[in-house]
Amino acid sequence: MAEFTLPRFTGFTGFSGFNSRDRAAAIVPERSVTGRTLVLLIAIMTFLMGVTLGGVVLVQKSAIAWSSDVGREVTIQIRPVQGEVMESNLRTAVALAQATPGVAGARALTLEESEKLLEPWLGSGLDLSAIDIPRLVVVELADPAEADIAKLERDLAAVKGASLDTHAAWRQQLNVMAGTIVASGLLVLALIVIATVLAIIFATRGTMSSNREIVDVLHFIGASNSFIAGEFQGRFLTIGFRGGIIGGIGALVFFFLIGFTAGAMVPQEAGQQLGILFGRFALGWDGMFGILAVVPVIAAVTAITSRLTVRRFLQTTS
């Protein structure tokens, strides 16, 4: 625990005789085991908060991008029907889609592209020529809000085996998943803050208890509770900034290294999947600003918690 030293007098009576320049250093030592340990603890907590916040930002950005991309496309599926010519139905579906207001373009996937879509489930190298595979028409919307999807669905009723998929259910599931991850991340942030506050309270009360005699002497010579609490607040504010800066920089370096590793060392196919999921781990300026904003927040929490703890301790022991 940190130890106090008695303040030096300059010959005046009462507490006003403190040398203002040495007052903080005399009451709360600049270097102590408790101080170094608390700096390390706050650095770790800030790092965890930064990583959690960065992860939430990445997932939220990716979810918004996914939802936007999916919302600008609808898919027409045409199932094989006996007596119907598939290529003719494909051309009809493309023409109907292109004639729909709000549609930017439509394209029928080739048979090879359709077979590639089945490879993740059936494997590659299979001969699918004997199987009637449903065909897809990808419809790109110029503006999802203005596209007349209802008209397109009515028009497709004339094409046997055709059905329209707007991906609404998939988008809803995606939004729910992203919302759950964001809420979980915020819960983790709250738990980290609570753990940090408890650690600061423990460190402050331990220091006060181990130096009870010094506090009594300070009271005897005229020091007020506000003065003592203020000295602790200033010292713990410095500790909070030191630990916060170390942890915040560590979190930024972590994301930089993860992004570099994912781009340079992960196989290309796996890297593409990670890119789709996390956007190449690119936090952007808003993500980096959010992590750096944790530093003053954690410093303020440290200082305020210390001050309140000291005042509470002095009130209950006076």
C-alpha atoms as a PDB file:
ATOM      1  CA  MET A   1       0.000   0.000   0.000  1.00  0.00           C
ATOM      2  CA  ALA A   2       1.065   3.596  -0.542  1.00  0.00           C
ATOM      3  CA  GLU A   3       2.390   5.474   2.481  1.00  0.00           C
ATOM      4  CA  PHE A   4       1.761   9.064   3.449  1.00  0.00           C
ATOM      5  CA  THR A   5       4.337  11.495   4.756  1.00  0.00           C
ATOM      6  CA  LEU A   6       3.571  14.374   7.034  1.00  0.00           C
ATOM      7  CA  PRO A   7       3.364  17.720   5.268  1.00  0.00           C
ATOM      8  CA  ARG A   8       6.072  20.264   5.939  1.00  0.00           C
ATOM      9  CA  PHE A   9       5.254  23.498   7.749  1.00  0.00           C
ATOM     10  CA  THR A  10       6.577  26.942   6.886  1.00  0.00           C
ATOM     11  CA  GLY A  11       6.062  28.477  10.289  1.00  0.00           C
ATOM     12  CA  PHE A  12       2.372  29.375  10.059  1.00  0.00           C
ATOM     13  CA  THR A  13      -0.325  28.045  12.336  1.00  0.00           C
ATOM     14  CA  GLY A  14      -2.911  25.647  10.958  1.00  0.00           C
ATOM     15  CA  PHE A  15      -3.303  23.951   7.640  1.00  0.00           C
ATOM     16  CA  SER A  16      -2.715  27.080   5.610  1.00  0.00           C
ATOM     17  CA  GLY A  17       1.015  26.660   6.191  1.00  0.00           C
ATOM     18  CA  PHE A  18       1.405  23.928   3.536  1.00  0.00           C
ATOM     19  CA  ASN A  19       3.789  24.586   0.724  1.00  0.00           C
ATOM     20  CA  SER A  20       1.352  24.514  -2.219  1.00  0.00           C
ATOM     21  CA  ARG A  21       3.937  23.191  -4.672  1.00  0.00           C
ATOM     22  CA  ASP A  22       4.880  20.189  -2.535  1.00  0.00           C
ATOM     23  CA  ARG A  23       1.468  19.573  -0.993  1.00  0.00           C
ATOM     24  CA  ALA A  24       0.219  16.906  -3.406  1.00  0.00           C
ATOM     25  CA  ALA A  25       3.547  15.109  -3.501  1.00  0.00           C
ATOM     26  CA  ALA A  26       3.757  15.121   0.307  1.00  0.00           C
ATOM     27  CA  ILE A  27       0.321  13.671   0.941  1.00  0.00           C
ATOM     28  CA  VAL A  28       0.070  11.227  -1.978  1.00  0.00           C
ATOM     29  CA  PRO A  29       3.466   9.863  -3.061  1.00  0.00           C
ATOM     30  CA  GLU A  30       4.172   9.948  -6.790  1.00  0.00           C
ATOM     31  CA  ARG A  31       5.645   6.447  -6.898  1.00  0.00           C
ATOM     32  CA  SER A  32       4.418   3.508  -4.855  1.00  0.00           C
ATOM     33  CA  VAL A  33       3.624  -0.165  -5.273  1.00  0.00           C
ATOM     34  CA  THR A  34      -0.084   0.574  -5.157  1.00  0.00           C
ATOM     35  CA  GLY A  35       0.239   3.299  -7.788  1.00  0.00           C
ATOM     36  CA  ARG A  36       2.174   1.125 -10.230  1.00  0.00           C
ATOM     37  CA  THR A  37      -0.190  -1.786  -9.701  1.00  0.00           C
ATOM     38  CA  LEU A  38      -3.217   0.422 -10.254  1.00  0.00           C
ATOM     39  CA  VAL A  39      -1.705   1.867 -13.439  1.00  0.00           C
ATOM     40  CA  LEU A  40      -1.238  -1.676 -14.743  1.00  0.00           C
ATOM     41  CA  LEU A  41      -4.768  -2.659 -13.741  1.00  0.00           C
ATOM     42  CA  ILE A  42      -6.312   0.383 -15.418  1.00  0.00           C
ATOM     43  CA  ALA A  43      -4.203  -0.246 -18.534  1.00  0.00           C
ATOM     44  CA  ILE A  44      -5.521  -3.805 -18.741  1.00  0.00           C
ATOM     45  CA  MET A  45      -9.109  -2.694 -18.177  1.00  0.00           C
ATOM     46  CA  THR A  46      -8.782   0.068 -20.786  1.00  0.00           C
ATOM     47  CA  PHE A  47      -7.307  -2.408 -23.253  1.00  0.00           C
ATOM     48  CA  LEU A  48     -10.240  -4.780 -22.712  1.00  0.00           C
ATOM     49  CA  MET A  49     -12.706  -1.917 -23.076  1.00  0.00           C
ATOM     50  CA  GLY A  50     -11.002  -0.762 -26.279  1.00  0.00           C
ATOM     51  CA  VAL A  51     -10.989  -4.251 -27.791  1.00  0.00           C
ATOM     52  CA  THR A  52     -14.642  -4.786 -26.857  1.00  0.00           C
ATOM     53  CA  LEU A  53     -15.671  -1.396 -28.214  1.00  0.00           C
ATOM     54  CA  GLY A  54     -13.677  -1.968 -31.411  1.00  0.00           C
ATOM     55  CA  GLY A  55     -15.311  -5.367 -31.886  1.00  0.00           C
ATOM     56  CA  VAL A  56     -18.759  -3.839 -31.460  1.00  0.00           C
ATOM     57  CA  VAL A  57     -17.912  -1.147 -34.030  1.00  0.00           C
ATOM     58  CA  LEU A  58     -16.662  -3.739 -36.531  1.00  0.00           C
ATOM     59  CA  VAL A  59     -19.732  -5.937 -36.185  1.00  0.00           C
ATOM     60  CA  GLN A  60     -22.101  -2.980 -36.406  1.00  0.00           C
ATOM     61  CA  LYS A  61     -20.390  -1.610 -39.516  1.00  0.00           C
ATOM     62  CA  SER A  62     -20.416  -5.015 -41.191  1.00  0.00           C
ATOM     63  CA  ALA A  63     -24.072  -5.585 -40.302  1.00  0.00           C
ATOM     64  CA  ILE A  64     -25.055  -2.211 -41.771  1.00  0.00           C
ATOM     65  CA  ALA A  65     -23.103  -2.973 -44.950  1.00  0.00           C
ATOM     66  CA  TRP A  66     -24.640  -6.461 -45.227  1.00  0.00           C
ATOM     67  CA  SER A  67     -28.156  -5.157 -44.702  1.00  0.00           C
ATOM     68  CA  SER A  68     -27.637  -2.387 -47.257  1.00  0.00           C
ATOM     69  CA  ASP A  69     -26.231  -4.770 -49.871  1.00  0.00           C
ATOM     70  CA  VAL A  70     -28.934  -7.373 -49.351  1.00  0.00           C
ATOM     71  CA  GLY A  71     -31.646  -4.722 -49.345  1.00  0.00           C
ATOM     72  CA  ARG A  72     -30.599  -3.599 -52.849  1.00  0.00           C
ATOM     73  CA  GLU A  73     -31.129  -7.050 -54.337  1.00  0.00           C
ATOM     74  CA  VAL A  74     -34.006  -9.454 -54.783  1.00  0.00           C
ATOM     75  CA  THR A  75     -33.802 -12.896 -56.307  1.00  0.00           C
ATOM     76  CA  ILE A  76     -36.113 -14.633 -58.719  1.00  0.00           C
ATOM     77  CA  GLN A  77     -35.946 -18.404 -58.504  1.00  0.00           C
ATOM     78  CA  ILE A  78     -37.240 -20.470 -61.407  1.00  0.00           C
ATOM     79  CA  ARG A  79     -37.789 -24.155 -60.735  1.00  0.00           C
ATOM     80  CA  PRO A  80     -37.743 -26.711 -63.563  1.00  0.00           C
ATOM     81  CA  VAL A  81     -41.282 -27.490 -64.727  1.00  0.00           C
ATOM     82  CA  GLN A  82     -42.102 -30.305 -67.136  1.00  0.00           C
ATOM     83  CA  GLY A  83     -43.023 -28.949 -70.541  1.00  0.00           C
ATOM     84  CA  GLU A  84     -41.445 -25.553 -69.882  1.00  0.00           C
ATOM     85  CA  VAL A  85     -38.256 -24.284 -71.512  1.00  0.00           C
ATOM     86  CA  MET A  86     -35.947 -22.973 -68.795  1.00  0.00           C
ATOM     87  CA  GLU A  87     -34.032 -20.498 -70.970  1.00  0.00           C
ATOM     88  CA  SER A  88     -37.276 -18.996 -72.247  1.00  0.00           C
ATOM     89  CA  ASN A  89     -38.588 -18.577 -68.691  1.00  0.00           C
ATOM     90  CA  LEU A  90     -35.309 -16.955 -67.680  1.00  0.00           C
ATOM     91  CA  ARG A  91     -35.524 -14.408 -70.496  1.00  0.00           C
ATOM     92  CA  THR A  92     -39.135 -13.640 -69.591  1.00  0.00           C
ATOM     93  CA  ALA A  93     -38.275 -13.163 -65.912  1.00  0.00           C
ATOM     94  CA  VAL A  94     -35.372 -10.847 -66.781  1.00  0.00           C
ATOM     95  CA  ALA A  95     -37.598  -8.781 -69.076  1.00  0.00           C
ATOM     96  CA  LEU A  96     -40.327  -8.471 -66.447  1.00  0.00           C
ATOM     97  CA  ALA A  97     -37.781  -7.426 -63.819  1.00  0.00           C
ATOM     98  CA  GLN A  98     -36.186  -4.802 -66.056  1.00  0.00           C
ATOM     99  CA  ALA A  99     -39.620  -3.342 -66.825  1.00  0.00           C
ATOM    100  CA  THR A 100     -40.426  -2.909 -63.118  1.00  0.00           C
ATOM    101  CA  PRO A 101     -40.128   0.656 -61.727  1.00  0.00           C
ATOM    102  CA  GLY A 102     -37.179   1.093 -59.371  1.00  0.00           C
ATOM    103  CA  VAL A 103     -35.125  -1.772 -60.844  1.00  0.00           C
ATOM    104  CA  ALA A 104     -31.607  -0.892 -61.997  1.00  0.00           C
ATOM    105  CA  GLY A 105     -30.908  -4.159 -63.766  1.00  0.00           C
ATOM    106  CA  ALA A 106     -31.467  -7.903 -63.853  1.00  0.00           C
ATOM    107  CA  ARG A 107     -29.210 -10.790 -64.818  1.00  0.00           C
ATOM    108  CA  ALA A 108     -29.805 -14.518 -65.056  1.00  0.00           C
ATOM    109  CA  LEU A 109     -27.063 -16.666 -63.561  1.00  0.00           C
ATOM    110  CA  THR A 110     -25.518 -19.154 -65.946  1.00  0.00           C
ATOM    111  CA  LEU A 111     -25.751 -22.872 -65.346  1.00  0.00           C
ATOM    112  CA  GLU A 112     -22.101 -22.918 -64.264  1.00  0.00           C
ATOM    113  CA  GLU A 113     -22.716 -20.148 -61.735  1.00  0.00           C
ATOM    114  CA  SER A 114     -25.743 -21.996 -60.390  1.00  0.00           C
ATOM    115  CA  GLU A 115     -23.701 -25.175 -59.958  1.00  0.00           C
ATOM    116  CA  LYS A 116     -20.995 -23.231 -58.109  1.00  0.00           C
ATOM    117  CA  LEU A 117     -23.589 -22.087 -55.599  1.00  0.00           C
ATOM    118  CA  LEU A 118     -24.171 -25.730 -54.690  1.00  0.00           C
ATOM    119  CA  GLU A 119     -20.492 -26.578 -54.141  1.00  0.00           C
ATOM    120  CA  PRO A 120     -20.400 -25.579 -50.432  1.00  0.00           C
ATOM    121  CA  TRP A 121     -23.118 -28.164 -49.760  1.00  0.00           C
ATOM    122  CA  LEU A 122     -22.459 -30.862 -52.362  1.00  0.00           C
ATOM    123  CA  GLY A 123     -18.724 -30.452 -52.850  1.00  0.00           C
ATOM    124  CA  SER A 124     -16.766 -29.726 -56.008  1.00  0.00           C
ATOM    125  CA  GLY A 125     -16.080 -31.997 -58.957  1.00  0.00           C
ATOM    126  CA  LEU A 126     -19.567 -33.543 -59.112  1.00  0.00           C
ATOM    127  CA  ASP A 127     -21.382 -34.102 -62.403  1.00  0.00           C
ATOM    128  CA  LEU A 128     -24.709 -32.307 -61.996  1.00  0.00           C
ATOM    129  CA  SER A 129     -25.804 -32.567 -65.609  1.00  0.00           C
ATOM    130  CA  ALA A 130     -28.387 -35.216 -64.773  1.00  0.00           C
ATOM    131  CA  ILE A 131     -30.045 -32.993 -62.162  1.00  0.00           C
ATOM    132  CA  ASP A 132     -32.523 -30.254 -62.970  1.00  0.00           C
ATOM    133  CA  ILE A 133     -31.119 -27.343 -61.022  1.00  0.00           C
ATOM    134  CA  PRO A 134     -33.299 -24.320 -60.230  1.00  0.00           C
ATOM    135  CA  ARG A 135     -32.014 -21.160 -61.880  1.00  0.00           C
ATOM    136  CA  LEU A 136     -31.713 -17.711 -60.395  1.00  0.00           C
ATOM    137  CA  VAL A 137     -32.201 -14.176 -61.675  1.00  0.00           C
ATOM    138  CA  VAL A 138     -30.466 -11.483 -59.609  1.00  0.00           C
ATOM    139  CA  VAL A 139     -32.398  -8.206 -59.639  1.00  0.00           C
ATOM    140  CA  GLU A 140     -30.588  -5.024 -58.556  1.00  0.00           C
ATOM    141  CA  LEU A 141     -32.753  -2.233 -57.189  1.00  0.00           C
ATOM    142  CA  ALA A 142     -31.975   1.405 -57.858  1.00  0.00           C
ATOM    143  CA  ASP A 143     -33.842   2.456 -54.726  1.00  0.00           C
ATOM    144  CA  PRO A 144     -35.370  -0.201 -52.443  1.00  0.00           C
ATOM    145  CA  ALA A 145     -37.931   2.296 -51.158  1.00  0.00           C
ATOM    146  CA  GLU A 146     -39.246   3.127 -54.649  1.00  0.00           C
ATOM    147  CA  ALA A 147     -39.049  -0.317 -56.255  1.00  0.00           C
ATOM    148  CA  ASP A 148     -42.474  -1.762 -57.044  1.00  0.00           C
ATOM    149  CA  ILE A 149     -41.858  -5.258 -55.674  1.00  0.00           C
ATOM    150  CA  ALA A 150     -45.567  -6.033 -55.512  1.00  0.00           C
ATOM    151  CA  LYS A 151     -45.937  -5.419 -59.274  1.00  0.00           C
ATOM    152  CA  LEU A 152     -42.955  -7.637 -60.029  1.00  0.00           C
ATOM    153  CA  GLU A 153     -44.418 -10.409 -57.909  1.00  0.00           C
ATOM    154  CA  ARG A 154     -47.752 -10.169 -59.751  1.00  0.00           C
ATOM    155  CA  ASP A 155     -46.044 -10.205 -63.139  1.00  0.00           C
ATOM    156  CA  LEU A 156     -44.004 -13.281 -62.241  1.00  0.00           C
ATOM    157  CA  ALA A 157     -47.212 -15.240 -61.688  1.00  0.00           C
ATOM    158  CA  ALA A 158     -47.298 -15.654 -65.475  1.00  0.00           C
ATOM    159  CA  VAL A 159     -43.983 -17.568 -65.396  1.00  0.00           C
ATOM    160  CA  LYS A 160     -44.490 -21.155 -64.272  1.00  0.00           C
ATOM    161  CA  GLY A 161     -42.164 -22.215 -61.470  1.00  0.00           C
ATOM    162  CA  ALA A 162     -41.053 -18.643 -60.692  1.00  0.00           C
ATOM    163  CA  SER A 163     -40.974 -17.228 -57.172  1.00  0.00           C
ATOM    164  CA  LEU A 164     -39.619 -13.973 -55.725  1.00  0.00           C
ATOM    165  CA  ASP A 165     -37.356 -13.820 -52.672  1.00  0.00           C
ATOM    166  CA  THR A 166     -36.860 -10.361 -51.107  1.00  0.00           C
ATOM    167  CA  HIS A 167     -34.487 -11.665 -48.374  1.00  0.00           C
ATOM    168  CA  ALA A 168     -36.607  -9.868 -45.761  1.00  0.00           C
ATOM    169  CA  ALA A 169     -36.465 -12.773 -43.305  1.00  0.00           C
ATOM    170  CA  TRP A 170     -32.689 -13.079 -43.690  1.00  0.00           C
ATOM    171  CA  ARG A 171     -32.223  -9.343 -43.148  1.00  0.00           C
ATOM    172  CA  GLN A 172     -34.333  -9.511 -40.003  1.00  0.00           C
ATOM    173  CA  GLN A 173     -32.245 -12.373 -38.629  1.00  0.00           C
ATOM    174  CA  LEU A 174     -29.076 -10.461 -39.483  1.00  0.00           C
ATOM    175  CA  ASN A 175     -30.284  -7.341 -37.671  1.00  0.00           C
ATOM    176  CA  VAL A 176     -31.275  -9.390 -34.622  1.00  0.00           C
ATOM    177  CA  MET A 177     -27.871 -11.089 -34.558  1.00  0.00           C
ATOM    178  CA  ALA A 178     -26.020  -7.784 -34.885  1.00  0.00           C
ATOM    179  CA  GLY A 179     -28.189  -6.179 -32.211  1.00  0.00           C
ATOM    180  CA  THR A 180     -27.501  -9.081 -29.864  1.00  0.00           C
ATOM    181  CA  ILE A 181     -23.743  -8.782 -30.387  1.00  0.00           C
ATOM    182  CA  VAL A 182     -23.824  -5.020 -29.817  1.00  0.00           C
ATOM    183  CA  ALA A 183     -25.906  -5.408 -26.649  1.00  0.00           C
ATOM    184  CA  SER A 184     -23.548  -8.116 -25.388  1.00  0.00           C
ATOM    185  CA  GLY A 185     -20.562  -5.869 -26.070  1.00  0.00           C
ATOM    186  CA  LEU A 186     -22.145  -2.989 -24.151  1.00  0.00           C
ATOM    187  CA  LEU A 187     -22.859  -5.354 -21.256  1.00  0.00           C
ATOM    188  CA  VAL A 188     -19.211  -6.438 -21.221  1.00  0.00           C
ATOM    189  CA  LEU A 189     -18.149  -2.766 -21.211  1.00  0.00           C
ATOM    190  CA  ALA A 190     -20.401  -2.098 -18.234  1.00  0.00           C
ATOM    191  CA  LEU A 191     -18.967  -5.076 -16.337  1.00  0.00           C
ATOM    192  CA  ILE A 192     -15.401  -3.902 -17.030  1.00  0.00           C
ATOM    193  CA  VAL A 193     -16.240  -0.425 -15.729  1.00  0.00           C
ATOM    194  CA  ILE A 194     -17.785  -1.926 -12.585  1.00  0.00           C
ATOM    195  CA  ALA A 195     -14.729  -4.114 -12.012  1.00  0.00           C
ATOM    196  CA  THR A 196     -12.467  -1.073 -12.453  1.00  0.00           C
ATOM    197  CA  VAL A 197     -14.478   0.978  -9.978  1.00  0.00           C
ATOM    198  CA  LEU A 198     -14.354  -1.822  -7.407  1.00  0.00           C
ATOM    199  CA  ALA A 199     -10.576  -2.135  -7.831  1.00  0.00           C
ATOM    200  CA  ILE A 200     -10.135   1.631  -7.338  1.00  0.00           C
ATOM    201  CA  ILE A 201     -12.331   1.566  -4.233  1.00  0.00           C
ATOM    202  CA  PHE A 202     -10.312  -1.310  -2.797  1.00  0.00           C
ATOM    203  CA  ALA A 203      -6.988   0.407  -3.524  1.00  0.00           C
ATOM    204  CA  THR A 204      -8.153   3.739  -2.072  1.00  0.00           C
ATOM    205  CA  ARG A 205      -9.614   2.266   1.111  1.00  0.00           C
ATOM    206  CA  GLY A 206      -6.533   0.132   1.608  1.00  0.00           C
ATOM    207  CA  THR A 207      -4.306   3.181   1.364  1.00  0.00           C
ATOM    208  CA  MET A 208      -6.505   5.150   3.758  1.00  0.00           C
ATOM    209  CA  SER A 209      -6.620   2.311   6.284  1.00  0.00           C
ATOM    210  CA  SER A 210      -2.865   1.765   6.284  1.00  0.00           C
ATOM    211  CA  ASN A 211      -2.279   5.500   6.861  1.00  0.00           C
ATOM    212  CA  ARG A 212      -5.039   6.169   9.374  1.00  0.00           C
ATOM    213  CA  GLU A 213      -2.624   7.822  11.827  1.00  0.00           C
ATOM    214  CA  ILE A 214      -1.427  10.281   9.198  1.00  0.00           C
ATOM    215  CA  VAL A 215      -5.011  11.190   8.323  1.00  0.00           C
ATOM    216  CA  ASP A 216      -5.756  11.821  12.001  1.00  0.00           C
ATOM    217  CA  VAL A 217      -2.733  14.137  12.236  1.00  0.00           C
ATOM    218  CA  LEU A 218      -3.885  16.001   9.124  1.00  0.00           C
ATOM    219  CA  HIS A 219      -7.285  16.500  10.710  1.00  0.00           C
ATOM    220  CA  PHE A 220      -5.643  17.669  13.925  1.00  0.00           C
ATOM    221  CA  ILE A 221      -3.658  20.389  12.157  1.00  0.00           C
ATOM    222  CA  GLY A 222      -6.712  21.620  10.262  1.00  0.00           C
ATOM    223  CA  ALA A 223      -6.964  19.655   7.008  1.00  0.00           C
ATOM    224  CA  SER A 224     -10.520  19.314   5.783  1.00  0.00           C
ATOM    225  CA  ASN A 225     -12.035  16.198   4.260  1.00  0.00           C
ATOM    226  CA  SER A 226     -12.398  18.038   0.950  1.00  0.00           C
ATOM    227  CA  PHE A 227      -8.694  18.866   0.886  1.00  0.00           C
ATOM    228  CA  ILE A 228      -7.606  15.273   1.509  1.00  0.00           C
ATOM    229  CA  ALA A 229     -10.135  13.926  -1.000  1.00  0.00           C
ATOM    230  CA  GLY A 230      -8.965  16.478  -3.559  1.00  0.00           C
ATOM    231  CA  GLU A 231      -5.355  15.368  -3.231  1.00  0.00           C
ATOM    232  CA  PHE A 232      -6.389  11.770  -3.834  1.00  0.00           C
ATOM    233  CA  GLN A 233      -8.533  12.830  -6.779  1.00  0.00           C
ATOM    234  CA  GLY A 234      -5.630  14.613  -8.471  1.00  0.00           C
ATOM    235  CA  ARG A 235      -3.236  11.725  -7.917  1.00  0.00           C
ATOM    236  CA  PHE A 236      -5.686   9.075  -9.130  1.00  0.00           C
ATOM    237  CA  LEU A 237      -6.555  11.230 -12.143  1.00  0.00           C
ATOM    238  CA  THR A 238      -2.893  11.043 -13.162  1.00  0.00           C
ATOM    239  CA  ILE A 239      -2.887   7.286 -12.579  1.00  0.00           C
ATOM    240  CA  GLY A 240      -6.044   6.932 -14.666  1.00  0.00           C
ATOM    241  CA  PHE A 241      -4.566   8.883 -17.572  1.00  0.00           C
ATOM    242  CA  ARG A 242      -1.356   6.879 -17.520  1.00  0.00           C
ATOM    243  CA  GLY A 243      -3.101   3.533 -17.461  1.00  0.00           C
ATOM    244  CA  GLY A 244      -5.735   4.680 -19.966  1.00  0.00           C
ATOM    245  CA  ILE A 245      -3.182   5.891 -22.506  1.00  0.00           C
ATOM    246  CA  ILE A 246      -1.224   2.629 -22.255  1.00  0.00           C
ATOM    247  CA  GLY A 247      -4.368   0.516 -22.632  1.00  0.00           C
ATOM    248  CA  GLY A 248      -5.841   2.644 -25.426  1.00  0.00           C
ATOM    249  CA  ILE A 249      -2.661   2.539 -27.497  1.00  0.00           C
ATOM    250  CA  GLY A 250      -2.442  -1.195 -26.847  1.00  0.00           C
ATOM    251  CA  ALA A 251      -5.983  -1.688 -28.200  1.00  0.00           C
ATOM    252  CA  LEU A 252      -5.194   0.282 -31.374  1.00  0.00           C
ATOM    253  CA  VAL A 253      -1.991  -1.715 -31.890  1.00  0.00           C
ATOM    254  CA  PHE A 254      -3.988  -4.927 -31.358  1.00  0.00           C
ATOM    255  CA  PHE A 255      -6.420  -4.105 -34.167  1.00  0.00           C
ATOM    256  CA  PHE A 256      -3.569  -3.002 -36.416  1.00  0.00           C
ATOM    257  CA  LEU A 257      -1.734  -6.294 -35.864  1.00  0.00           C
ATOM    258  CA  ILE A 258      -4.917  -8.351 -36.322  1.00  0.00           C
ATOM    259  CA  GLY A 259      -5.691  -6.552 -39.583  1.00  0.00           C
ATOM    260  CA  PHE A 260      -2.132  -7.017 -40.821  1.00  0.00           C
ATOM    261  CA  THR A 261      -2.131 -10.704 -39.851  1.00  0.00           C
ATOM    262  CA  ALA A 262      -5.514 -11.321 -41.491  1.00  0.00           C
ATOM    263  CA  GLY A 263      -4.310  -9.699 -44.709  1.00  0.00           C
ATOM    264  CA  ALA A 264      -0.825 -11.209 -44.891  1.00  0.00           C
ATOM    265  CA  MET A 265      -0.877 -14.587 -43.171  1.00  0.00           C
ATOM    266  CA  VAL A 266      -4.438 -15.941 -43.451  1.00  0.00           C
ATOM    267  CA  PRO A 267      -5.177 -17.991 -46.618  1.00  0.00           C
ATOM    268  CA  GLN A 268      -6.964 -16.064 -49.360  1.00  0.00           C
ATOM    269  CA  GLU A 269     -10.327 -17.841 -49.059  1.00  0.00           C
ATOM    270  CA  ALA A 270     -10.361 -17.548 -45.264  1.00  0.00           C
ATOM    271  CA  GLY A 271      -9.281 -13.921 -45.576  1.00  0.00           C
ATOM    272  CA  GLN A 272     -12.220 -13.206 -47.867  1.00  0.00           C
ATOM    273  CA  GLN A 273     -14.616 -14.719 -45.337  1.00  0.00           C
ATOM    274  CA  LEU A 274     -13.079 -12.646 -42.534  1.00  0.00           C
ATOM    275  CA  GLY A 275     -13.327  -9.586 -44.744  1.00  0.00           C
ATOM    276  CA  ILE A 276     -17.029 -10.210 -45.273  1.00  0.00           C
ATOM    277  CA  LEU A 277     -17.561 -10.748 -41.559  1.00  0.00           C
ATOM    278  CA  PHE A 278     -15.424  -7.945 -40.086  1.00  0.00           C
ATOM    279  CA  GLY A 279     -14.622  -5.653 -43.008  1.00  0.00           C
ATOM    280  CA  ARG A 280     -10.871  -6.389 -42.939  1.00  0.00           C
ATOM    281  CA  PHE A 281     -10.772  -5.249 -39.297  1.00  0.00           C
ATOM    282  CA  ALA A 282     -10.841  -1.619 -40.461  1.00  0.00           C
ATOM    283  CA  LEU A 283     -12.014   0.441 -37.482  1.00  0.00           C
ATOM    284  CA  GLY A 284     -12.101   3.709 -39.378  1.00  0.00           C
ATOM    285  CA  TRP A 285     -11.690   7.120 -37.787  1.00  0.00           C
ATOM    286  CA  ASP A 286     -14.855   6.793 -35.745  1.00  0.00           C
ATOM    287  CA  GLY A 287     -13.732   3.474 -34.265  1.00  0.00           C
ATOM    288  CA  MET A 288     -10.272   4.813 -33.380  1.00  0.00           C
ATOM    289  CA  PHE A 289     -11.803   7.954 -31.894  1.00  0.00           C
ATOM    290  CA  GLY A 290     -14.137   5.787 -29.805  1.00  0.00           C
ATOM    291  CA  ILE A 291     -11.210   3.809 -28.381  1.00  0.00           C
ATOM    292  CA  LEU A 292      -9.216   6.976 -27.638  1.00  0.00           C
ATOM    293  CA  ALA A 293     -12.304   8.510 -25.985  1.00  0.00           C
ATOM    294  CA  VAL A 294     -12.162   5.694 -23.430  1.00  0.00           C
ATOM    295  CA  VAL A 295      -8.937   7.214 -22.006  1.00  0.00           C
ATOM    296  CA  PRO A 296     -10.415  10.437 -20.525  1.00  0.00           C
ATOM    297  CA  VAL A 297     -13.529   8.541 -19.460  1.00  0.00           C
ATOM    298  CA  ILE A 298     -11.557   5.951 -17.492  1.00  0.00           C
ATOM    299  CA  ALA A 299      -9.356   8.705 -15.999  1.00  0.00           C
ATOM    300  CA  ALA A 300     -12.434  10.646 -14.856  1.00  0.00           C
ATOM    301  CA  VAL A 301     -13.992   7.487 -13.403  1.00  0.00           C
ATOM    302  CA  THR A 302     -10.766   6.769 -11.533  1.00  0.00           C
ATOM    303  CA  ALA A 303     -10.518  10.277 -10.065  1.00  0.00           C
ATOM    304  CA  ILE A 304     -14.193  10.594  -9.102  1.00  0.00           C
ATOM    305  CA  THR A 305     -14.304   7.113  -7.568  1.00  0.00           C
ATOM    306  CA  SER A 306     -11.206   7.853  -5.498  1.00  0.00           C
ATOM    307  CA  ARG A 307     -12.578  11.170  -4.245  1.00  0.00           C
ATOM    308  CA  LEU A 308     -15.953   9.714  -3.286  1.00  0.00           C
ATOM    309  CA  THR A 309     -14.297   6.747  -1.586  1.00  0.00           C
ATOM    310  CA  VAL A 310     -12.005   8.993   0.476  1.00  0.00           C
ATOM    311  CA  ARG A 311     -14.842  11.273   1.546  1.00  0.00           C
ATOM    312  CA  ARG A 312     -16.982   8.285   2.477  1.00  0.00           C
ATOM    313  CA  PHE A 313     -14.119   6.758   4.434  1.00  0.00           C
ATOM    314  CA  LEU A 314     -13.416   9.982   6.323  1.00  0.00           C
ATOM    315  CA  GLN A 315     -17.104  10.520   7.135  1.00  0.00           C
ATOM    316  CA  THR A 316     -17.527   7.018   8.548  1.00  0.00           C
ATOM    317  CA  THR A 317     -14.340   7.148  10.627  1.00  0.00           C
ATOM    318  CA  SER A 318     -14.579  10.691  11.932  1.00  0.00           C
END
